[in-house]
Amino acid sequence: MPVQMDATALTRFLEDGFPQVAADFVIEEVRENAIRVRLAVEERHLRPGGTVSGPSMFALADVSVYLAILAMIGPKALAVTTNCSIDFMRKPAAGADMLCDCRLLKLGRVLAVGECLLYSEGVEAPVARASMTYSIPPDR
């Protein structure tokens, strides 16, 4: 299945549908069943000690899978997370932007499963791995 929404269309979708968080995320690359998203780290994303918080990393993984799905099926705002598992493997670099490399492992009519590796910018080893399942609303 070819990509239905490119980075520009996805960015516009985020700005229209989720203006409260759209500025936090930069879509760097969209490919068939894959996406790379940057969390532009600000003070509000940090936990004590200056590293990116777990909830901010969850948001990056969640948004990345959501956008990867939309890139393939088009704008369906009501697709929702139904399951998430995150392994936090190492401490993120202090104050560095986070990058998420996401790929869709399954994209069905009703469910999609995505896998994400999260990195601190400039660090080769991933800091977290997330597996997420989304429910896709039926066409009406």
Protein backbone atom coordinates (compact mmCIF):
# COMPACT_ATOMS: atom_id res chain seq x y z
CA MET A 1 0.00 0.00 0.00
CA PRO A 2 1.52 3.39 -0.94
CA VAL A 3 1.91 6.25 1.53
CA GLN A 4 -1.33 8.29 1.72
CA MET A 5 -0.04 11.26 3.77
CA ASP A 6 3.45 12.75 3.56
CA ALA A 7 5.27 14.71 6.30
CA THR A 8 3.62 17.99 5.29
CA ALA A 9 0.09 16.53 5.38
CA LEU A 10 0.75 14.78 8.70
CA THR A 11 2.14 17.98 10.23
CA ARG A 12 -0.94 19.90 9.11
CA PHE A 13 -3.18 17.16 10.54
CA LEU A 14 -1.40 17.41 13.91
CA GLU A 15 -1.66 21.20 13.93
CA ASP A 16 -5.39 21.07 13.16
CA GLY A 17 -6.37 18.15 15.39
CA PHE A 18 -3.90 18.41 18.26
CA PRO A 19 -2.73 22.03 18.47
CA GLN A 20 -1.84 21.61 22.16
CA VAL A 21 1.06 19.27 21.32
CA ALA A 22 1.75 19.70 17.59
CA ALA A 23 4.74 21.99 18.12
CA ASP A 24 6.48 19.30 20.21
CA PHE A 25 6.89 16.93 17.26
CA VAL A 26 8.78 17.19 13.97
CA ILE A 27 8.15 14.56 11.31
CA GLU A 28 11.55 13.92 9.77
CA GLU A 29 10.84 11.05 7.40
CA VAL A 30 7.85 9.08 6.13
CA ARG A 31 8.24 5.78 4.28
CA GLU A 32 5.90 2.89 3.58
CA ASN A 33 5.01 1.46 7.02
CA ALA A 34 7.66 3.56 8.76
CA ILE A 35 8.24 7.03 10.15
CA ARG A 36 10.88 9.01 12.01
CA VAL A 37 9.64 11.63 14.47
CA ARG A 38 11.60 14.07 16.64
CA LEU A 39 10.52 15.29 20.06
CA ALA A 40 11.79 18.87 20.26
CA VAL A 41 12.75 18.68 23.93
CA GLU A 42 11.83 21.64 26.12
CA GLU A 43 12.05 22.19 29.87
CA ARG A 44 8.52 20.78 30.35
CA HIS A 45 9.68 17.39 28.98
CA LEU A 46 12.40 16.95 31.59
CA ARG A 47 12.38 15.14 34.90
CA PRO A 48 14.59 16.05 37.87
CA GLY A 49 18.18 15.58 36.77
CA GLY A 50 17.57 17.07 33.32
CA THR A 51 16.75 13.93 31.32
CA VAL A 52 13.62 13.37 29.25
CA SER A 53 10.74 12.00 31.34
CA GLY A 54 9.02 8.66 30.77
CA PRO A 55 5.68 10.30 29.96
CA SER A 56 7.38 12.41 27.27
CA MET A 57 8.97 9.29 25.76
CA PHE A 58 5.56 7.55 25.83
CA ALA A 59 4.05 10.53 23.99
CA LEU A 60 6.77 10.35 21.31
CA ALA A 61 6.19 6.62 20.74
CA ASP A 62 2.41 7.01 20.78
CA VAL A 63 2.37 9.91 18.33
CA SER A 64 4.85 8.12 16.08
CA VAL A 65 2.73 4.98 15.73
CA TYR A 66 -0.40 7.10 15.25
CA LEU A 67 1.27 9.11 12.47
CA ALA A 68 2.73 5.99 10.82
CA ILE A 69 -0.79 4.54 10.65
CA LEU A 70 -2.28 7.76 9.27
CA ALA A 71 0.51 7.98 6.70
CA MET A 72 -0.71 4.67 5.32
CA ILE A 73 -4.52 4.90 5.70
CA GLY A 74 -5.17 8.64 5.53
CA PRO A 75 -6.65 11.00 8.12
CA LYS A 76 -8.68 9.00 10.66
CA ALA A 77 -8.58 11.06 13.84
CA LEU A 78 -10.39 8.43 15.91
CA ALA A 79 -7.73 5.72 15.68
CA VAL A 80 -6.83 5.01 19.32
CA THR A 81 -4.17 3.25 21.36
CA THR A 82 -5.41 -0.04 22.80
CA ASN A 83 -2.16 -1.41 24.22
CA CYS A 84 1.34 -0.19 25.00
CA SER A 85 4.47 -1.77 26.39
CA ILE A 86 7.66 0.24 26.92
CA ASP A 87 11.09 -0.94 27.97
CA PHE A 88 13.21 1.91 29.34
CA MET A 89 16.73 0.62 28.70
CA ARG A 90 19.10 3.47 29.51
CA LYS A 91 19.07 7.05 30.70
CA PRO A 92 18.44 9.63 27.93
CA ALA A 93 21.12 12.24 27.30
CA ALA A 94 20.45 15.37 29.36
CA GLY A 95 18.32 17.87 27.43
CA ALA A 96 18.91 16.24 24.03
CA ASP A 97 16.08 15.93 21.51
CA MET A 98 14.57 12.46 21.25
CA LEU A 99 14.18 10.58 17.95
CA CYS A 100 11.73 7.77 17.32
CA ASP A 101 12.21 5.25 14.53
CA CYS A 102 8.85 3.54 14.14
CA ARG A 103 7.75 0.75 11.87
CA LEU A 104 4.37 -0.87 11.48
CA LEU A 105 4.56 -4.63 11.96
CA LYS A 106 0.88 -5.18 11.09
CA LEU A 107 -1.63 -2.89 9.46
CA GLY A 108 -5.01 -4.58 9.25
CA ARG A 109 -8.55 -3.28 8.80
CA VAL A 110 -9.21 -3.09 12.56
CA LEU A 111 -5.84 -3.27 14.35
CA ALA A 112 -2.34 -1.98 13.75
CA VAL A 113 0.80 -2.97 15.65
CA GLY A 114 3.86 -0.75 15.69
CA GLU A 115 7.34 -0.99 17.13
CA CYS A 116 9.43 2.01 18.12
CA LEU A 117 13.06 2.54 19.04
CA LEU A 118 13.70 5.82 20.86
CA TYR A 119 17.09 7.52 20.80
CA SER A 120 18.69 10.57 22.34
CA GLU A 121 20.00 12.70 19.51
CA GLY A 122 23.67 11.95 18.91
CA VAL A 123 23.67 8.66 20.87
CA GLU A 124 23.81 5.39 18.94
CA ALA A 125 22.18 3.05 21.47
CA PRO A 126 18.40 3.26 21.97
CA VAL A 127 17.11 4.50 25.31
CA ALA A 128 13.70 2.82 25.03
CA ARG A 129 11.70 0.35 22.98
CA ALA A 130 7.94 0.51 22.67
CA SER A 131 5.36 -1.84 21.20
CA MET A 132 1.93 -0.33 20.59
CA THR A 133 -1.39 -1.57 19.27
CA TYR A 134 -3.98 0.76 17.77
CA SER A 135 -7.64 0.24 16.99
CA ILE A 136 -8.66 1.66 13.62
CA PRO A 137 -12.25 2.91 13.32
CA PRO A 138 -14.40 1.29 10.63
CA ASP A 139 -15.23 3.27 7.51
CA ARG A 140 -18.76 4.66 7.65
